[in-house]
Amino acid sequence: MKRKFQTDGISCSGCITRVKKTLEAHLAINNTEIFLNPIGAAIINMT
């Protein structure tokens, strides 16, 4: 399953890293991939 979420306000690589770590901590699902884009999108692939 692939989901896209709007993430406004991420403007630097430090912010991207922090948001990604937070999402990974909450998504304790095997084979989860998280892609963050500073222009406002988070894409999460789950199996």
PDB file of N, CA and C in Angstrom:
ATOM      1  N   MET A   1       0.849  -1.165   0.000  1.00  0.00           N
ATOM      2  CA  MET A   1       0.000   0.000   0.000  1.00  0.00           C
ATOM      3  C   MET A   1       0.898   1.232   0.000  1.00  0.00           C
ATOM      4  N   LYS A   2       0.560   2.206  -0.785  1.00  0.00           N
ATOM      5  CA  LYS A   2       1.323   3.440  -0.896  1.00  0.00           C
ATOM      6  C   LYS A   2       0.422   4.604  -0.506  1.00  0.00           C
ATOM      7  N   ARG A   3       0.894   5.437   0.438  1.00  0.00           N
ATOM      8  CA  ARG A   3       0.113   6.585   0.889  1.00  0.00           C
ATOM      9  C   ARG A   3       0.959   7.840   0.771  1.00  0.00           C
ATOM     10  N   LYS A   4       0.324   8.939   0.395  1.00  0.00           N
ATOM     11  CA  LYS A   4       1.007  10.219   0.286  1.00  0.00           C
ATOM     12  C   LYS A   4       0.356  11.202   1.257  1.00  0.00           C
ATOM     13  N   PHE A   5       1.196  11.911   2.011  1.00  0.00           N
ATOM     14  CA  PHE A   5       0.711  12.871   2.988  1.00  0.00           C
ATOM     15  C   PHE A   5       1.343  14.229   2.718  1.00  0.00           C
ATOM     16  N   GLN A   6       0.590  15.288   2.941  1.00  0.00           N
ATOM     17  CA  GLN A   6       1.078  16.647   2.786  1.00  0.00           C
ATOM     18  C   GLN A   6       1.896  17.016   4.016  1.00  0.00           C
ATOM     19  N   THR A   7       3.118  17.504   3.821  1.00  0.00           N
ATOM     20  CA  THR A   7       3.990  17.909   4.928  1.00  0.00           C
ATOM     21  C   THR A   7       4.567  19.280   4.609  1.00  0.00           C
ATOM     22  N   ASP A   8       3.879  20.319   5.000  1.00  0.00           N
ATOM     23  CA  ASP A   8       4.348  21.687   4.756  1.00  0.00           C
ATOM     24  C   ASP A   8       5.329  22.118   5.839  1.00  0.00           C
ATOM     25  N   GLY A   9       6.239  23.000   5.488  1.00  0.00           N
ATOM     26  CA  GLY A   9       7.127  23.602   6.460  1.00  0.00           C
ATOM     27  C   GLY A   9       8.462  22.904   6.643  1.00  0.00           C
ATOM     28  N   ILE A  10       8.745  21.857   5.904  1.00  0.00           N
ATOM     29  CA  ILE A  10      10.041  21.197   5.998  1.00  0.00           C
ATOM     30  C   ILE A  10      10.976  21.916   5.028  1.00  0.00           C
ATOM     31  N   SER A  11      12.020  22.568   5.580  1.00  0.00           N
ATOM     32  CA  SER A  11      12.865  23.392   4.718  1.00  0.00           C
ATOM     33  C   SER A  11      14.345  23.023   4.736  1.00  0.00           C
ATOM     34  N   CYS A  12      14.743  22.072   5.566  1.00  0.00           N
ATOM     35  CA  CYS A  12      16.168  21.725   5.601  1.00  0.00           C
ATOM     36  C   CYS A  12      16.339  20.216   5.802  1.00  0.00           C
ATOM     37  N   SER A  13      17.548  19.737   5.569  1.00  0.00           N
ATOM     38  CA  SER A  13      17.803  18.299   5.699  1.00  0.00           C
ATOM     39  C   SER A  13      17.676  17.826   7.139  1.00  0.00           C
ATOM     40  N   GLY A  14      17.964  18.694   8.109  1.00  0.00           N
ATOM     41  CA  GLY A  14      17.797  18.334   9.517  1.00  0.00           C
ATOM     42  C   GLY A  14      16.334  18.075   9.855  1.00  0.00           C
ATOM     43  N   CYS A  15      15.457  18.899   9.314  1.00  0.00           N
ATOM     44  CA  CYS A  15      14.011  18.715   9.529  1.00  0.00           C
ATOM     45  C   CYS A  15      13.541  17.408   8.891  1.00  0.00           C
ATOM     46  N   ILE A  16      14.019  17.142   7.689  1.00  0.00           N
ATOM     47  CA  ILE A  16      13.637  15.909   6.992  1.00  0.00           C
ATOM     48  C   ILE A  16      14.049  14.695   7.815  1.00  0.00           C
ATOM     49  N   THR A  17      15.272  14.705   8.330  1.00  0.00           N
ATOM     50  CA  THR A  17      15.764  13.590   9.138  1.00  0.00           C
ATOM     51  C   THR A  17      14.926  13.401  10.392  1.00  0.00           C
ATOM     52  N   ARG A  18      14.596  14.491  11.057  1.00  0.00           N
ATOM     53  CA  ARG A  18      13.809  14.404  12.298  1.00  0.00           C
ATOM     54  C   ARG A  18      12.398  13.861  12.045  1.00  0.00           C
ATOM     55  N   VAL A  19      11.744  14.361  11.012  1.00  0.00           N
ATOM     56  CA  VAL A  19      10.397  13.889  10.678  1.00  0.00           C
ATOM     57  C   VAL A  19      10.447  12.417  10.278  1.00  0.00           C
ATOM     58  N   LYS A  20      11.442  12.023   9.496  1.00  0.00           N
ATOM     59  CA  LYS A  20      11.559  10.632   9.065  1.00  0.00           C
ATOM     60  C   LYS A  20      11.757   9.705  10.273  1.00  0.00           C
ATOM     61  N   LYS A  21      12.614  10.073  11.210  1.00  0.00           N
ATOM     62  CA  LYS A  21      12.837   9.258  12.410  1.00  0.00           C
ATOM     63  C   LYS A  21      11.560   9.138  13.243  1.00  0.00           C
ATOM     64  N   THR A  22      10.810  10.232  13.347  1.00  0.00           N
ATOM     65  CA  THR A  22       9.554  10.204  14.099  1.00  0.00           C
ATOM     66  C   THR A  22       8.547   9.273  13.444  1.00  0.00           C
ATOM     67  N   LEU A  23       8.409   9.357  12.114  1.00  0.00           N
ATOM     68  CA  LEU A  23       7.492   8.466  11.401  1.00  0.00           C
ATOM     69  C   LEU A  23       7.917   7.009  11.539  1.00  0.00           C
ATOM     70  N   GLU A  24       9.214   6.732  11.436  1.00  0.00           N
ATOM     71  CA  GLU A  24       9.699   5.355  11.574  1.00  0.00           C
ATOM     72  C   GLU A  24       9.408   4.801  12.961  1.00  0.00           C
ATOM     73  N   ALA A  25       9.496   5.635  13.988  1.00  0.00           N
ATOM     74  CA  ALA A  25       9.215   5.191  15.355  1.00  0.00           C
ATOM     75  C   ALA A  25       7.745   4.820  15.539  1.00  0.00           C
ATOM     76  N   HIS A  26       6.859   5.527  14.854  1.00  0.00           N
ATOM     77  CA  HIS A  26       5.421   5.274  14.982  1.00  0.00           C
ATOM     78  C   HIS A  26       4.927   4.184  14.037  1.00  0.00           C
ATOM     79  N   LEU A  27       5.644   3.941  12.964  1.00  0.00           N
ATOM     80  CA  LEU A  27       5.248   2.922  11.996  1.00  0.00           C
ATOM     81  C   LEU A  27       6.098   1.675  12.204  1.00  0.00           C
ATOM     82  N   ALA A  28       5.803   0.950  13.259  1.00  0.00           N
ATOM     83  CA  ALA A  28       6.583  -0.247  13.593  1.00  0.00           C
ATOM     84  C   ALA A  28       6.105  -1.433  12.764  1.00  0.00           C
ATOM     85  N   ILE A  29       6.148  -1.268  11.456  1.00  0.00           N
ATOM     86  CA  ILE A  29       5.699  -2.295  10.519  1.00  0.00           C
ATOM     87  C   ILE A  29       6.898  -2.729   9.694  1.00  0.00           C
ATOM     88  N   ASN A  30       7.086  -4.005   9.507  1.00  0.00           N
ATOM     89  CA  ASN A  30       8.181  -4.500   8.686  1.00  0.00           C
ATOM     90  C   ASN A  30       7.992  -4.061   7.238  1.00  0.00           C
ATOM     91  N   ASN A  31       9.095  -3.879   6.544  1.00  0.00           N
ATOM     92  CA  ASN A  31       9.120  -3.510   5.120  1.00  0.00           C
ATOM     93  C   ASN A  31       8.420  -2.187   4.833  1.00  0.00           C
ATOM     94  N   THR A  32       8.632  -1.208   5.706  1.00  0.00           N
ATOM     95  CA  THR A  32       8.071   0.121   5.491  1.00  0.00           C
ATOM     96  C   THR A  32       9.151   1.039   4.946  1.00  0.00           C
ATOM     97  N   GLU A  33       8.847   1.758   3.876  1.00  0.00           N
ATOM     98  CA  GLU A  33       9.768   2.733   3.301  1.00  0.00           C
ATOM     99  C   GLU A  33       9.141   4.113   3.401  1.00  0.00           C
ATOM    100  N   ILE A  34       9.922   5.067   3.824  1.00  0.00           N
ATOM    101  CA  ILE A  34       9.433   6.442   3.962  1.00  0.00           C
ATOM    102  C   ILE A  34      10.303   7.347   3.100  1.00  0.00           C
ATOM    103  N   PHE A  35       9.668   8.129   2.245  1.00  0.00           N
ATOM    104  CA  PHE A  35      10.361   9.087   1.394  1.00  0.00           C
ATOM    105  C   PHE A  35       9.816  10.469   1.706  1.00  0.00           C
ATOM    106  N   LEU A  36      10.694  11.376   2.085  1.00  0.00           N
ATOM    107  CA  LEU A  36      10.278  12.741   2.387  1.00  0.00           C
ATOM    108  C   LEU A  36      10.863  13.680   1.350  1.00  0.00           C
ATOM    109  N   ASN A  37      10.065  14.629   0.952  1.00  0.00           N
ATOM    110  CA  ASN A  37      10.469  15.613  -0.040  1.00  0.00           C
ATOM    111  C   ASN A  37      10.262  16.990   0.577  1.00  0.00           C
ATOM    112  N   PRO A  38      11.276  17.849   0.572  1.00  0.00           N
ATOM    113  CA  PRO A  38      11.122  19.145   1.217  1.00  0.00           C
ATOM    114  C   PRO A  38      10.097  20.077   0.583  1.00  0.00           C
ATOM    115  N   ILE A  39       9.585  19.726  -0.576  1.00  0.00           N
ATOM    116  CA  ILE A  39       8.570  20.603  -1.183  1.00  0.00           C
ATOM    117  C   ILE A  39       7.153  20.254  -0.734  1.00  0.00           C
ATOM    118  N   GLY A  40       7.030  19.368   0.262  1.00  0.00           N
ATOM    119  CA  GLY A  40       5.716  19.200   0.881  1.00  0.00           C
ATOM    120  C   GLY A  40       5.051  17.864   0.750  1.00  0.00           C
ATOM    121  N   ALA A  41       5.789  16.769   0.600  1.00  0.00           N
ATOM    122  CA  ALA A  41       5.133  15.466   0.486  1.00  0.00           C
ATOM    123  C   ALA A  41       5.917  14.389   1.224  1.00  0.00           C
ATOM    124  N   ALA A  42       5.189  13.507   1.875  1.00  0.00           N
ATOM    125  CA  ALA A  42       5.768  12.303   2.469  1.00  0.00           C
ATOM    126  C   ALA A  42       5.078  11.115   1.824  1.00  0.00           C
ATOM    127  N   ILE A  43       5.860  10.187   1.296  1.00  0.00           N
ATOM    128  CA  ILE A  43       5.298   8.998   0.674  1.00  0.00           C
ATOM    129  C   ILE A  43       5.721   7.804   1.507  1.00  0.00           C
ATOM    130  N   ILE A  44       4.752   7.013   1.937  1.00  0.00           N
ATOM    131  CA  ILE A  44       5.016   5.840   2.772  1.00  0.00           C
ATOM    132  C   ILE A  44       4.551   4.596   2.037  1.00  0.00           C
ATOM    133  N   ASN A  45       5.475   3.674   1.793  1.00  0.00           N
ATOM    134  CA  ASN A  45       5.166   2.380   1.166  1.00  0.00           C
ATOM    135  C   ASN A  45       5.141   1.318   2.247  1.00  0.00           C
ATOM    136  N   MET A  46       4.053   0.581   2.356  1.00  0.00           N
ATOM    137  CA  MET A  46       3.915  -0.474   3.351  1.00  0.00           C
ATOM    138  C   MET A  46       3.482  -1.760   2.665  1.00  0.00           C
ATOM    139  N   THR A  47       3.976  -2.883   3.176  1.00  0.00           N
ATOM    140  CA  THR A  47       3.530  -4.176   2.659  1.00  0.00           C
ATOM    141  C   THR A  47       2.748  -4.901   3.716  1.00  0.00           C
TER     142      THR A  47
END
